Amino acid sequence: LIRFGEVGKEKPGILIGEKRFDVSSIVTDYNEAFFENDGLE
């Protein structure tokens, strides 16, 4: 899991190999709510 973008405006993403992908259409952020609600699965 990665977060990318300007300070305070980061979006969630994933790293596959050497490439980075934006998952902000699927996930709001990698925060307490994400982990608490089985966000990884």
Full PDB file with SEQRES, HELIX, SHEET, SSBOND, CRYST1, ORIGX, SCALE, CONECT and MASTER records, all heavy atoms in Angstrom:
SEQRES   1 A   41  LEU ILE ARG PHE GLY GLU VAL GLY LYS GLU LYS PRO GLY          
SEQRES   2 A   41  ILE LEU ILE GLY GLU LYS ARG PHE ASP VAL SER SER ILE          
SEQRES   3 A   41  VAL THR ASP TYR ASN GLU ALA PHE PHE GLU ASN ASP GLY          
SEQRES   4 A   41  LEU GLU                                                      
HELIX    1 AA1 GLU A   32  GLU A   36  1                                   5    
SHEET    1 AA1 3 ILE A   2  PHE A   4  0                                        
SHEET    2 AA1 3 LYS A  11  ILE A  16 -1                                        
SHEET    3 AA1 3 LYS A  19  ASP A  22 -1                                        
CRYST1    1.000    1.000    1.000  90.00  90.00  90.00 P 1           1          
ORIGX1      1.000000  0.000000  0.000000        0.00000                         
ORIGX2      0.000000  1.000000  0.000000        0.00000                         
ORIGX3      0.000000  0.000000  1.000000        0.00000                         
SCALE1      1.000000  0.000000  0.000000        0.00000                         
SCALE2      0.000000  1.000000  0.000000        0.00000                         
SCALE3      0.000000  0.000000  1.000000        0.00000                         
ATOM      1  N   LEU A   1       0.828  -1.192   0.000  1.00  0.00           N  
ATOM      2  CA  LEU A   1       0.000   0.000   0.000  1.00  0.00           C  
ATOM      3  C   LEU A   1       0.868   1.250   0.000  1.00  0.00           C  
ATOM      4  O   LEU A   1       1.848   1.336   0.747  1.00  0.00           O  
ATOM      5  CB  LEU A   1      -0.906   0.024   1.235  1.00  0.00           C  
ATOM      6  CG  LEU A   1      -1.737  -1.223   1.550  1.00  0.00           C  
ATOM      7  CD1 LEU A   1      -2.655  -0.929   2.726  1.00  0.00           C  
ATOM      8  CD2 LEU A   1      -2.525  -1.688   0.343  1.00  0.00           C  
ATOM      9  N   ILE A   2       0.486   2.223  -0.815  1.00  0.00           N  
ATOM     10  CA  ILE A   2       1.172   3.506  -0.839  1.00  0.00           C  
ATOM     11  C   ILE A   2       0.139   4.620  -0.722  1.00  0.00           C  
ATOM     12  O   ILE A   2      -1.052   4.418  -0.950  1.00  0.00           O  
ATOM     13  CB  ILE A   2       1.994   3.711  -2.138  1.00  0.00           C  
ATOM     14  CG1 ILE A   2       1.065   3.674  -3.366  1.00  0.00           C  
ATOM     15  CG2 ILE A   2       3.112   2.674  -2.255  1.00  0.00           C  
ATOM     16  CD1 ILE A   2       1.729   4.115  -4.666  1.00  0.00           C  
ATOM     17  N   ARG A   3       0.610   5.794  -0.365  1.00  0.00           N  
ATOM     18  CA  ARG A   3      -0.185   7.011  -0.453  1.00  0.00           C  
ATOM     19  C   ARG A   3       0.664   8.028  -1.190  1.00  0.00           C  
ATOM     20  O   ARG A   3       1.865   8.144  -0.934  1.00  0.00           O  
ATOM     21  CB  ARG A   3      -0.596   7.521   0.938  1.00  0.00           C  
ATOM     22  CG  ARG A   3      -1.553   6.564   1.633  1.00  0.00           C  
ATOM     23  CD  ARG A   3      -1.835   6.938   3.076  1.00  0.00           C  
ATOM     24  NE  ARG A   3      -2.622   8.148   3.224  1.00  0.00           N  
ATOM     25  CZ  ARG A   3      -2.158   9.292   3.710  1.00  0.00           C  
ATOM     26  NH1 ARG A   3      -0.881   9.402   4.061  1.00  0.00           N  
ATOM     27  NH2 ARG A   3      -2.943  10.343   3.833  1.00  0.00           N  
ATOM     28  N   PHE A   4       0.058   8.764  -2.087  1.00  0.00           N  
ATOM     29  CA  PHE A   4       0.829   9.631  -2.974  1.00  0.00           C  
ATOM     30  C   PHE A   4       0.155  10.984  -3.125  1.00  0.00           C  
ATOM     31  O   PHE A   4      -1.063  11.120  -2.930  1.00  0.00           O  
ATOM     32  CB  PHE A   4       0.989   8.963  -4.351  1.00  0.00           C  
ATOM     33  CG  PHE A   4      -0.320   8.735  -5.059  1.00  0.00           C  
ATOM     34  CD1 PHE A   4      -0.831   9.684  -5.935  1.00  0.00           C  
ATOM     35  CD2 PHE A   4      -1.057   7.577  -4.835  1.00  0.00           C  
ATOM     36  CE1 PHE A   4      -2.051   9.480  -6.573  1.00  0.00           C  
ATOM     37  CE2 PHE A   4      -2.277   7.368  -5.461  1.00  0.00           C  
ATOM     38  CZ  PHE A   4      -2.779   8.331  -6.338  1.00  0.00           C  
ATOM     39  N   GLY A   5       0.958  11.976  -3.510  1.00  0.00           N  
ATOM     40  CA  GLY A   5       0.427  13.307  -3.751  1.00  0.00           C  
ATOM     41  C   GLY A   5       1.023  14.346  -2.811  1.00  0.00           C  
ATOM     42  O   GLY A   5       1.917  14.063  -2.006  1.00  0.00           O  
ATOM     43  N   GLU A   6       0.520  15.563  -2.927  1.00  0.00           N  
ATOM     44  CA  GLU A   6       1.020  16.661  -2.119  1.00  0.00           C  
ATOM     45  C   GLU A   6       0.733  16.431  -0.637  1.00  0.00           C  
ATOM     46  O   GLU A   6      -0.196  15.705  -0.281  1.00  0.00           O  
ATOM     47  CB  GLU A   6       0.359  17.976  -2.550  1.00  0.00           C  
ATOM     48  CG  GLU A   6       0.638  18.381  -3.981  1.00  0.00           C  
ATOM     49  CD  GLU A   6      -0.143  19.633  -4.357  1.00  0.00           C  
ATOM     50  OE1 GLU A   6      -0.435  20.443  -3.450  1.00  0.00           O  
ATOM     51  OE2 GLU A   6      -0.472  19.786  -5.533  1.00  0.00           O  
ATOM     52  N   VAL A   7       1.526  17.091   0.196  1.00  0.00           N  
ATOM     53  CA  VAL A   7       1.342  16.983   1.641  1.00  0.00           C  
ATOM     54  C   VAL A   7      -0.075  17.418   2.013  1.00  0.00           C  
ATOM     55  O   VAL A   7      -0.538  18.496   1.620  1.00  0.00           O  
ATOM     56  CB  VAL A   7       2.362  17.858   2.395  1.00  0.00           C  
ATOM     57  CG1 VAL A   7       2.100  17.827   3.896  1.00  0.00           C  
ATOM     58  CG2 VAL A   7       3.783  17.401   2.094  1.00  0.00           C  
ATOM     59  N   GLY A   8      -0.773  16.566   2.739  1.00  0.00           N  
ATOM     60  CA  GLY A   8      -2.130  16.864   3.161  1.00  0.00           C  
ATOM     61  C   GLY A   8      -3.192  16.533   2.132  1.00  0.00           C  
ATOM     62  O   GLY A   8      -4.395  16.632   2.429  1.00  0.00           O  
ATOM     63  N   LYS A   9      -2.764  16.122   0.930  1.00  0.00           N  
ATOM     64  CA  LYS A   9      -3.719  15.793  -0.130  1.00  0.00           C  
ATOM     65  C   LYS A   9      -3.442  14.398  -0.704  1.00  0.00           C  
ATOM     66  O   LYS A   9      -3.805  14.103  -1.843  1.00  0.00           O  
ATOM     67  CB  LYS A   9      -3.657  16.835  -1.247  1.00  0.00           C  
ATOM     68  CG  LYS A   9      -4.024  18.243  -0.798  1.00  0.00           C  
ATOM     69  CD  LYS A   9      -3.932  19.225  -1.952  1.00  0.00           C  
ATOM     70  CE  LYS A   9      -4.274  20.636  -1.506  1.00  0.00           C  
ATOM     71  NZ  LYS A   9      -4.160  21.614  -2.626  1.00  0.00           N  
ATOM     72  N   GLU A  10      -2.830  13.545   0.087  1.00  0.00           N  
ATOM     73  CA  GLU A  10      -2.438  12.226  -0.402  1.00  0.00           C  
ATOM     74  C   GLU A  10      -3.655  11.367  -0.741  1.00  0.00           C  
ATOM     75  O   GLU A  10      -4.701  11.456  -0.102  1.00  0.00           O  
ATOM     76  CB  GLU A  10      -1.594  11.505   0.651  1.00  0.00           C  
ATOM     77  CG  GLU A  10      -0.237  12.129   0.906  1.00  0.00           C  
ATOM     78  CD  GLU A  10      -0.226  13.151   2.023  1.00  0.00           C  
ATOM     79  OE1 GLU A  10      -1.344  13.583   2.432  1.00  0.00           O  
ATOM     80  OE2 GLU A  10       0.858  13.533   2.468  1.00  0.00           O  
ATOM     81  N   LYS A  11      -3.477  10.531  -1.759  1.00  0.00           N  
ATOM     82  CA  LYS A  11      -4.490   9.565  -2.167  1.00  0.00           C  
ATOM     83  C   LYS A  11      -3.948   8.151  -1.943  1.00  0.00           C  
ATOM     84  O   LYS A  11      -2.731   7.939  -1.972  1.00  0.00           O  
ATOM     85  CB  LYS A  11      -4.845   9.739  -3.648  1.00  0.00           C  
ATOM     86  CG  LYS A  11      -5.532  11.045  -3.989  1.00  0.00           C  
ATOM     87  CD  LYS A  11      -5.856  11.083  -5.473  1.00  0.00           C  
ATOM     88  CE  LYS A  11      -6.583  12.356  -5.856  1.00  0.00           C  
ATOM     89  NZ  LYS A  11      -6.911  12.385  -7.309  1.00  0.00           N  
ATOM     90  N   PRO A  12      -4.833   7.173  -1.752  1.00  0.00           N  
ATOM     91  CA  PRO A  12      -4.373   5.796  -1.578  1.00  0.00           C  
ATOM     92  C   PRO A  12      -4.020   5.146  -2.908  1.00  0.00           C  
ATOM     93  O   PRO A  12      -4.648   5.418  -3.941  1.00  0.00           O  
ATOM     94  CB  PRO A  12      -5.579   5.109  -0.938  1.00  0.00           C  
ATOM     95  CG  PRO A  12      -6.753   5.873  -1.452  1.00  0.00           C  
ATOM     96  CD  PRO A  12      -6.294   7.302  -1.588  1.00  0.00           C  
ATOM     97  N   GLY A  13      -3.018   4.276  -2.859  1.00  0.00           N  
ATOM     98  CA  GLY A  13      -2.617   3.551  -4.058  1.00  0.00           C  
ATOM     99  C   GLY A  13      -2.024   2.209  -3.694  1.00  0.00           C  
ATOM    100  O   GLY A  13      -1.943   1.835  -2.513  1.00  0.00           O  
ATOM    101  N   ILE A  14      -1.619   1.479  -4.704  1.00  0.00           N  
ATOM    102  CA  ILE A  14      -0.927   0.211  -4.499  1.00  0.00           C  
ATOM    103  C   ILE A  14       0.302   0.174  -5.391  1.00  0.00           C  
ATOM    104  O   ILE A  14       0.370   0.862  -6.419  1.00  0.00           O  
ATOM    105  CB  ILE A  14      -1.821  -1.017  -4.792  1.00  0.00           C  
ATOM    106  CG1 ILE A  14      -2.350  -0.981  -6.228  1.00  0.00           C  
ATOM    107  CG2 ILE A  14      -2.945  -1.106  -3.780  1.00  0.00           C  
ATOM    108  CD1 ILE A  14      -3.029  -2.265  -6.655  1.00  0.00           C  
ATOM    109  N   LEU A  15       1.254  -0.626  -4.976  1.00  0.00           N  
ATOM    110  CA  LEU A  15       2.482  -0.836  -5.741  1.00  0.00           C  
ATOM    111  C   LEU A  15       2.456  -2.258  -6.276  1.00  0.00           C  
ATOM    112  O   LEU A  15       2.313  -3.216  -5.512  1.00  0.00           O  
ATOM    113  CB  LEU A  15       3.695  -0.627  -4.837  1.00  0.00           C  
ATOM    114  CG  LEU A  15       5.082  -0.730  -5.468  1.00  0.00           C  
ATOM    115  CD1 LEU A  15       5.310   0.404  -6.462  1.00  0.00           C  
ATOM    116  CD2 LEU A  15       6.155  -0.694  -4.375  1.00  0.00           C  
ATOM    117  N   ILE A  16       2.562  -2.399  -7.591  1.00  0.00           N  
ATOM    118  CA  ILE A  16       2.630  -3.711  -8.225  1.00  0.00           C  
ATOM    119  C   ILE A  16       3.910  -3.740  -9.040  1.00  0.00           C  
ATOM    120  O   ILE A  16       4.037  -3.032 -10.042  1.00  0.00           O  
ATOM    121  CB  ILE A  16       1.409  -3.976  -9.119  1.00  0.00           C  
ATOM    122  CG1 ILE A  16       0.115  -3.910  -8.304  1.00  0.00           C  
ATOM    123  CG2 ILE A  16       1.545  -5.346  -9.790  1.00  0.00           C  
ATOM    124  CD1 ILE A  16      -1.143  -4.076  -9.138  1.00  0.00           C  
ATOM    125  N   GLY A  17       4.857  -4.553  -8.605  1.00  0.00           N  
ATOM    126  CA  GLY A  17       6.175  -4.508  -9.230  1.00  0.00           C  
ATOM    127  C   GLY A  17       6.781  -3.144  -8.962  1.00  0.00           C  
ATOM    128  O   GLY A  17       6.856  -2.684  -7.832  1.00  0.00           O  
ATOM    129  N   GLU A  18       7.173  -2.461 -10.029  1.00  0.00           N  
ATOM    130  CA  GLU A  18       7.725  -1.116  -9.888  1.00  0.00           C  
ATOM    131  C   GLU A  18       6.689  -0.043 -10.210  1.00  0.00           C  
ATOM    132  O   GLU A  18       6.992   1.149 -10.147  1.00  0.00           O  
ATOM    133  CB  GLU A  18       8.942  -0.949 -10.824  1.00  0.00           C  
ATOM    134  CG  GLU A  18      10.108  -1.873 -10.506  1.00  0.00           C  
ATOM    135  CD  GLU A  18      10.675  -1.643  -9.121  1.00  0.00           C  
ATOM    136  OE1 GLU A  18      10.825  -0.459  -8.734  1.00  0.00           O  
ATOM    137  OE2 GLU A  18      10.957  -2.629  -8.416  1.00  0.00           O  
ATOM    138  N   LYS A  19       5.473  -0.460 -10.546  1.00  0.00           N  
ATOM    139  CA  LYS A  19       4.457   0.501 -10.966  1.00  0.00           C  
ATOM    140  C   LYS A  19       3.497   0.836  -9.840  1.00  0.00           C  
ATOM    141  O   LYS A  19       3.130  -0.021  -9.033  1.00  0.00           O  
ATOM    142  CB  LYS A  19       3.684  -0.045 -12.171  1.00  0.00           C  
ATOM    143  CG  LYS A  19       4.534  -0.177 -13.427  1.00  0.00           C  
ATOM    144  CD  LYS A  19       3.691  -0.602 -14.627  1.00  0.00           C  
ATOM    145  CE  LYS A  19       4.525  -0.664 -15.902  1.00  0.00           C  
ATOM    146  NZ  LYS A  19       3.700  -1.048 -17.072  1.00  0.00           N  
ATOM    147  N   ARG A  20       3.060   2.095  -9.828  1.00  0.00           N  
ATOM    148  CA  ARG A  20       2.131   2.588  -8.822  1.00  0.00           C  
ATOM    149  C   ARG A  20       0.763   2.807  -9.463  1.00  0.00           C  
ATOM    150  O   ARG A  20       0.670   3.309 -10.592  1.00  0.00           O  
ATOM    151  CB  ARG A  20       2.626   3.917  -8.247  1.00  0.00           C  
ATOM    152  CG  ARG A  20       4.047   3.893  -7.709  1.00  0.00           C  
ATOM    153  CD  ARG A  20       4.501   5.309  -7.404  1.00  0.00           C  
ATOM    154  NE  ARG A  20       5.859   5.369  -6.876  1.00  0.00           N  
ATOM    155  CZ  ARG A  20       6.492   6.495  -6.566  1.00  0.00           C  
ATOM    156  NH1 ARG A  20       5.871   7.668  -6.733  1.00  0.00           N  
ATOM    157  NH2 ARG A  20       7.724   6.467  -6.089  1.00  0.00           N  
ATOM    158  N   PHE A  21      -0.285   2.458  -8.705  1.00  0.00           N  
ATOM    159  CA  PHE A  21      -1.640   2.625  -9.221  1.00  0.00           C  
ATOM    160  C   PHE A  21      -2.527   3.310  -8.185  1.00  0.00           C  
ATOM    161  O   PHE A  21      -2.403   3.077  -6.979  1.00  0.00           O  
ATOM    162  CB  PHE A  21      -2.234   1.268  -9.608  1.00  0.00           C  
ATOM    163  CG  PHE A  21      -1.513   0.587 -10.729  1.00  0.00           C  
ATOM    164  CD1 PHE A  21      -0.494  -0.322 -10.469  1.00  0.00           C  
ATOM    165  CD2 PHE A  21      -1.831   0.872 -12.053  1.00  0.00           C  
ATOM    166  CE1 PHE A  21       0.189  -0.951 -11.507  1.00  0.00           C  
ATOM    167  CE2 PHE A  21      -1.157   0.250 -13.098  1.00  0.00           C  
ATOM    168  CZ  PHE A  21      -0.142  -0.662 -12.829  1.00  0.00           C  
ATOM    169  N   ASP A  22      -3.421   4.125  -8.685  1.00  0.00           N  
ATOM    170  CA  ASP A  22      -4.358   4.893  -7.878  1.00  0.00           C  
ATOM    171  C   ASP A  22      -5.585   4.030  -7.565  1.00  0.00           C  
ATOM    172  O   ASP A  22      -6.236   3.518  -8.478  1.00  0.00           O  
ATOM    173  CB  ASP A  22      -4.756   6.141  -8.675  1.00  0.00           C  
ATOM    174  CG  ASP A  22      -5.679   7.084  -7.927  1.00  0.00           C  
ATOM    175  OD1 ASP A  22      -6.269   6.680  -6.910  1.00  0.00           O  
ATOM    176  OD2 ASP A  22      -5.819   8.238  -8.388  1.00  0.00           O  
ATOM    177  N   VAL A  23      -5.894   3.849  -6.269  1.00  0.00           N  
ATOM    178  CA  VAL A  23      -7.100   3.095  -5.890  1.00  0.00           C  
ATOM    179  C   VAL A  23      -8.106   3.988  -5.171  1.00  0.00           C  
ATOM    180  O   VAL A  23      -8.973   3.505  -4.440  1.00  0.00           O  
ATOM    181  CB  VAL A  23      -6.755   1.859  -5.030  1.00  0.00           C  
ATOM    182  CG1 VAL A  23      -5.900   0.873  -5.802  1.00  0.00           C  
ATOM    183  CG2 VAL A  23      -6.084   2.263  -3.719  1.00  0.00           C  
ATOM    184  N   SER A  24      -8.010   5.297  -5.381  1.00  0.00           N  
ATOM    185  CA  SER A  24      -8.899   6.215  -4.663  1.00  0.00           C  
ATOM    186  C   SER A  24     -10.353   6.076  -5.092  1.00  0.00           C  
ATOM    187  O   SER A  24     -11.255   6.553  -4.397  1.00  0.00           O  
ATOM    188  CB  SER A  24      -8.429   7.667  -4.839  1.00  0.00           C  
ATOM    189  OG  SER A  24      -8.431   8.051  -6.203  1.00  0.00           O  
ATOM    190  N   SER A  25     -10.609   5.408  -6.217  1.00  0.00           N  
ATOM    191  CA  SER A  25     -11.992   5.135  -6.614  1.00  0.00           C  
ATOM    192  C   SER A  25     -12.586   3.979  -5.812  1.00  0.00           C  
ATOM    193  O   SER A  25     -13.807   3.772  -5.813  1.00  0.00           O  
ATOM    194  CB  SER A  25     -12.062   4.812  -8.114  1.00  0.00           C  
ATOM    195  OG  SER A  25     -11.320   3.635  -8.407  1.00  0.00           O  
ATOM    196  N   ILE A  26     -11.705   3.232  -5.125  1.00  0.00           N  
ATOM    197  CA  ILE A  26     -12.139   2.066  -4.341  1.00  0.00           C  
ATOM    198  C   ILE A  26     -12.053   2.345  -2.848  1.00  0.00           C  
ATOM    199  O   ILE A  26     -12.910   1.913  -2.076  1.00  0.00           O  
ATOM    200  CB  ILE A  26     -11.249   0.839  -4.678  1.00  0.00           C  
ATOM    201  CG1 ILE A  26     -11.230   0.573  -6.181  1.00  0.00           C  
ATOM    202  CG2 ILE A  26     -11.709  -0.397  -3.908  1.00  0.00           C  
ATOM    203  CD1 ILE A  26     -10.175  -0.428  -6.599  1.00  0.00           C  
ATOM    204  N   VAL A  27     -11.021   3.080  -2.440  1.00  0.00           N  
ATOM    205  CA  VAL A  27     -10.699   3.308  -1.031  1.00  0.00           C  
ATOM    206  C   VAL A  27     -10.609   4.810  -0.774  1.00  0.00           C  
ATOM    207  O   VAL A  27     -10.009   5.534  -1.579  1.00  0.00           O  
ATOM    208  CB  VAL A  27      -9.351   2.646  -0.678  1.00  0.00           C  
ATOM    209  CG1 VAL A  27      -8.916   2.988   0.728  1.00  0.00           C  
ATOM    210  CG2 VAL A  27      -9.424   1.136  -0.853  1.00  0.00           C  
ATOM    211  N   THR A  28     -11.176   5.250   0.338  1.00  0.00           N  
ATOM    212  CA  THR A  28     -11.075   6.675   0.685  1.00  0.00           C  
ATOM    213  C   THR A  28      -9.668   7.024   1.151  1.00  0.00           C  
ATOM    214  O   THR A  28      -9.076   8.000   0.688  1.00  0.00           O  
ATOM    215  CB  THR A  28     -12.081   7.030   1.793  1.00  0.00           C  
ATOM    216  OG1 THR A  28     -13.394   6.719   1.336  1.00  0.00           O  
ATOM    217  CG2 THR A  28     -11.998   8.507   2.143  1.00  0.00           C  
ATOM    218  N   ASP A  29      -9.135   6.238   2.063  1.00  0.00           N  
ATOM    219  CA  ASP A  29      -7.783   6.451   2.569  1.00  0.00           C  
ATOM    220  C   ASP A  29      -7.396   5.247   3.413  1.00  0.00           C  
ATOM    221  O   ASP A  29      -8.256   4.476   3.854  1.00  0.00           O  
ATOM    222  CB  ASP A  29      -7.698   7.731   3.400  1.00  0.00           C  
ATOM    223  CG  ASP A  29      -6.286   8.330   3.439  1.00  0.00           C  
ATOM    224  OD1 ASP A  29      -5.336   7.667   2.954  1.00  0.00           O  
ATOM    225  OD2 ASP A  29      -6.131   9.452   3.954  1.00  0.00           O  
ATOM    226  N   TYR A  30      -6.105   5.094   3.662  1.00  0.00           N  
ATOM    227  CA  TYR A  30      -5.632   4.041   4.552  1.00  0.00           C  
ATOM    228  C   TYR A  30      -5.572   4.613   5.972  1.00  0.00           C  
ATOM    229  O   TYR A  30      -4.519   5.033   6.462  1.00  0.00           O  
ATOM    230  CB  TYR A  30      -4.265   3.538   4.108  1.00  0.00           C  
ATOM    231  CG  TYR A  30      -4.262   2.943   2.713  1.00  0.00           C  
ATOM    232  CD1 TYR A  30      -3.234   3.227   1.818  1.00  0.00           C  
ATOM    233  CD2 TYR A  30      -5.281   2.099   2.293  1.00  0.00           C  
ATOM    234  CE1 TYR A  30      -3.217   2.675   0.546  1.00  0.00           C  
ATOM    235  CE2 TYR A  30      -5.285   1.548   1.020  1.00  0.00           C  
ATOM    236  CZ  TYR A  30      -4.251   1.843   0.147  1.00  0.00           C  
ATOM    237  OH  TYR A  30      -4.240   1.303  -1.127  1.00  0.00           O  
ATOM    238  N   ASN A  31      -6.737   4.637   6.598  1.00  0.00           N  
ATOM    239  CA  ASN A  31      -6.873   5.249   7.912  1.00  0.00           C  
ATOM    240  C   ASN A  31      -7.529   4.267   8.877  1.00  0.00           C  
ATOM    241  O   ASN A  31      -7.724   3.094   8.554  1.00  0.00           O  
ATOM    242  CB  ASN A  31      -7.676   6.554   7.806  1.00  0.00           C  
ATOM    243  CG  ASN A  31      -9.013   6.340   7.091  1.00  0.00           C  
ATOM    244  OD1 ASN A  31      -9.503   5.213   6.994  1.00  0.00           O  
ATOM    245  ND2 ASN A  31      -9.593   7.421   6.600  1.00  0.00           N  
ATOM    246  N   GLU A  32      -7.883   4.749  10.053  1.00  0.00           N  
ATOM    247  CA  GLU A  32      -8.469   3.874  11.061  1.00  0.00           C  
ATOM    248  C   GLU A  32      -9.721   3.178  10.548  1.00  0.00           C  
ATOM    249  O   GLU A  32      -9.908   1.978  10.743  1.00  0.00           O  
ATOM    250  CB  GLU A  32      -8.785   4.679  12.325  1.00  0.00           C  
ATOM    251  CG  GLU A  32      -9.352   3.843  13.456  1.00  0.00           C  
ATOM    252  CD  GLU A  32      -9.579   4.627  14.728  1.00  0.00           C  
ATOM    253  OE1 GLU A  32      -8.949   5.697  14.906  1.00  0.00           O  
ATOM    254  OE2 GLU A  32     -10.391   4.173  15.569  1.00  0.00           O  
ATOM    255  N   ALA A  33     -10.584   3.928   9.872  1.00  0.00           N  
ATOM    256  CA  ALA A  33     -11.835   3.352   9.364  1.00  0.00           C  
ATOM    257  C   ALA A  33     -11.561   2.255   8.337  1.00  0.00           C  
ATOM    258  O   ALA A  33     -12.245   1.222   8.314  1.00  0.00           O  
ATOM    259  CB  ALA A  33     -12.699   4.449   8.748  1.00  0.00           C  
ATOM    260  N   PHE A  34     -10.561   2.451   7.496  1.00  0.00           N  
ATOM    261  CA  PHE A  34     -10.215   1.451   6.482  1.00  0.00           C  
ATOM    262  C   PHE A  34      -9.831   0.139   7.140  1.00  0.00           C  
ATOM    263  O   PHE A  34     -10.371  -0.928   6.814  1.00  0.00           O  
ATOM    264  CB  PHE A  34      -9.067   1.972   5.620  1.00  0.00           C  
ATOM    265  CG  PHE A  34      -8.453   0.934   4.710  1.00  0.00           C  
ATOM    266  CD1 PHE A  34      -9.047   0.620   3.505  1.00  0.00           C  
ATOM    267  CD2 PHE A  34      -7.278   0.278   5.060  1.00  0.00           C  
ATOM    268  CE1 PHE A  34      -8.495  -0.342   2.655  1.00  0.00           C  
ATOM    269  CE2 PHE A  34      -6.709  -0.677   4.231  1.00  0.00           C  
ATOM    270  CZ  PHE A  34      -7.329  -0.982   3.025  1.00  0.00           C  
ATOM    271  N   PHE A  35      -8.899   0.177   8.074  1.00  0.00           N  
ATOM    272  CA  PHE A  35      -8.436  -1.055   8.710  1.00  0.00           C  
ATOM    273  C   PHE A  35      -9.532  -1.673   9.587  1.00  0.00           C  
ATOM    274  O   PHE A  35      -9.705  -2.894   9.614  1.00  0.00           O  
ATOM    275  CB  PHE A  35      -7.176  -0.782   9.527  1.00  0.00           C  
ATOM    276  CG  PHE A  35      -5.978  -0.422   8.690  1.00  0.00           C  
ATOM    277  CD1 PHE A  35      -5.504   0.882   8.645  1.00  0.00           C  
ATOM    278  CD2 PHE A  35      -5.337  -1.381   7.919  1.00  0.00           C  
ATOM    279  CE1 PHE A  35      -4.408   1.221   7.860  1.00  0.00           C  
ATOM    280  CE2 PHE A  35      -4.242  -1.051   7.124  1.00  0.00           C  
ATOM    281  CZ  PHE A  35      -3.776   0.254   7.096  1.00  0.00           C  
ATOM    282  N   GLU A  36     -10.285  -0.832  10.274  1.00  0.00           N  
ATOM    283  CA  GLU A  36     -11.311  -1.319  11.187  1.00  0.00           C  
ATOM    284  C   GLU A  36     -12.425  -2.071  10.465  1.00  0.00           C  
ATOM    285  O   GLU A  36     -13.009  -3.014  10.997  1.00  0.00           O  
ATOM    286  CB  GLU A  36     -11.903  -0.138  11.956  1.00  0.00           C  
ATOM    287  CG  GLU A  36     -12.889  -0.522  13.034  1.00  0.00           C  
ATOM    288  CD  GLU A  36     -13.313   0.687  13.838  1.00  0.00           C  
ATOM    289  OE1 GLU A  36     -13.441   1.788  13.267  1.00  0.00           O  
ATOM    290  OE2 GLU A  36     -13.515   0.530  15.053  1.00  0.00           O  
ATOM    291  N   ASN A  37     -12.699  -1.677   9.239  1.00  0.00           N  
ATOM    292  CA  ASN A  37     -13.808  -2.265   8.475  1.00  0.00           C  
ATOM    293  C   ASN A  37     -13.333  -3.270   7.427  1.00  0.00           C  
ATOM    294  O   ASN A  37     -13.894  -3.357   6.330  1.00  0.00           O  
ATOM    295  CB  ASN A  37     -14.625  -1.152   7.824  1.00  0.00           C  
ATOM    296  CG  ASN A  37     -15.333  -0.294   8.846  1.00  0.00           C  
ATOM    297  OD1 ASN A  37     -16.191  -0.777   9.573  1.00  0.00           O  
ATOM    298  ND2 ASN A  37     -14.961   0.980   8.915  1.00  0.00           N  
ATOM    299  N   ASP A  38     -12.275  -4.012   7.776  1.00  0.00           N  
ATOM    300  CA  ASP A  38     -11.751  -5.069   6.896  1.00  0.00           C  
ATOM    301  C   ASP A  38     -11.362  -4.542   5.523  1.00  0.00           C  
ATOM    302  O   ASP A  38     -11.545  -5.209   4.496  1.00  0.00           O  
ATOM    303  CB  ASP A  38     -12.775  -6.203   6.738  1.00  0.00           C  
ATOM    304  CG  ASP A  38     -13.053  -6.918   8.048  1.00  0.00           C  
ATOM    305  OD1 ASP A  38     -12.087  -7.134   8.812  1.00  0.00           O  
ATOM    306  OD2 ASP A  38     -14.217  -7.259   8.309  1.00  0.00           O  
ATOM    307  N   GLY A  39     -10.819  -3.341   5.521  1.00  0.00           N  
ATOM    308  CA  GLY A  39     -10.451  -2.713   4.259  1.00  0.00           C  
ATOM    309  C   GLY A  39      -9.451  -3.498   3.444  1.00  0.00           C  
ATOM    310  O   GLY A  39      -9.536  -3.540   2.209  1.00  0.00           O  
ATOM    311  N   LEU A  40      -8.510  -4.156   4.115  1.00  0.00           N  
ATOM    312  CA  LEU A  40      -7.501  -4.926   3.381  1.00  0.00           C  
ATOM    313  C   LEU A  40      -8.147  -6.061   2.591  1.00  0.00           C  
ATOM    314  O   LEU A  40      -7.840  -6.265   1.409  1.00  0.00           O  
ATOM    315  CB  LEU A  40      -6.453  -5.487   4.345  1.00  0.00           C  
ATOM    316  CG  LEU A  40      -5.414  -4.503   4.887  1.00  0.00           C  
ATOM    317  CD1 LEU A  40      -4.558  -5.183   5.950  1.00  0.00           C  
ATOM    318  CD2 LEU A  40      -4.540  -3.962   3.769  1.00  0.00           C  
ATOM    319  N   GLU A  41      -9.032  -6.799   3.237  1.00  0.00           N  
ATOM    320  CA  GLU A  41      -9.688  -7.921   2.557  1.00  0.00           C  
ATOM    321  C   GLU A  41     -10.601  -7.436   1.437  1.00  0.00           C  
ATOM    322  O   GLU A  41     -10.657  -8.032   0.359  1.00  0.00           O  
ATOM    323  CB  GLU A  41     -10.481  -8.758   3.561  1.00  0.00           C  
ATOM    324  CG  GLU A  41      -9.622  -9.643   4.443  1.00  0.00           C  
ATOM    325  CD  GLU A  41      -8.749 -10.594   3.630  1.00  0.00           C  
ATOM    326  OE1 GLU A  41      -9.281 -11.249   2.700  1.00  0.00           O  
ATOM    327  OE2 GLU A  41      -7.537 -10.683   3.916  1.00  0.00           O  
TER     328      GLU A  41                                                      
MASTER        0    0    0    1    3    0    0    6  327    1    0    4          
END                                                                             
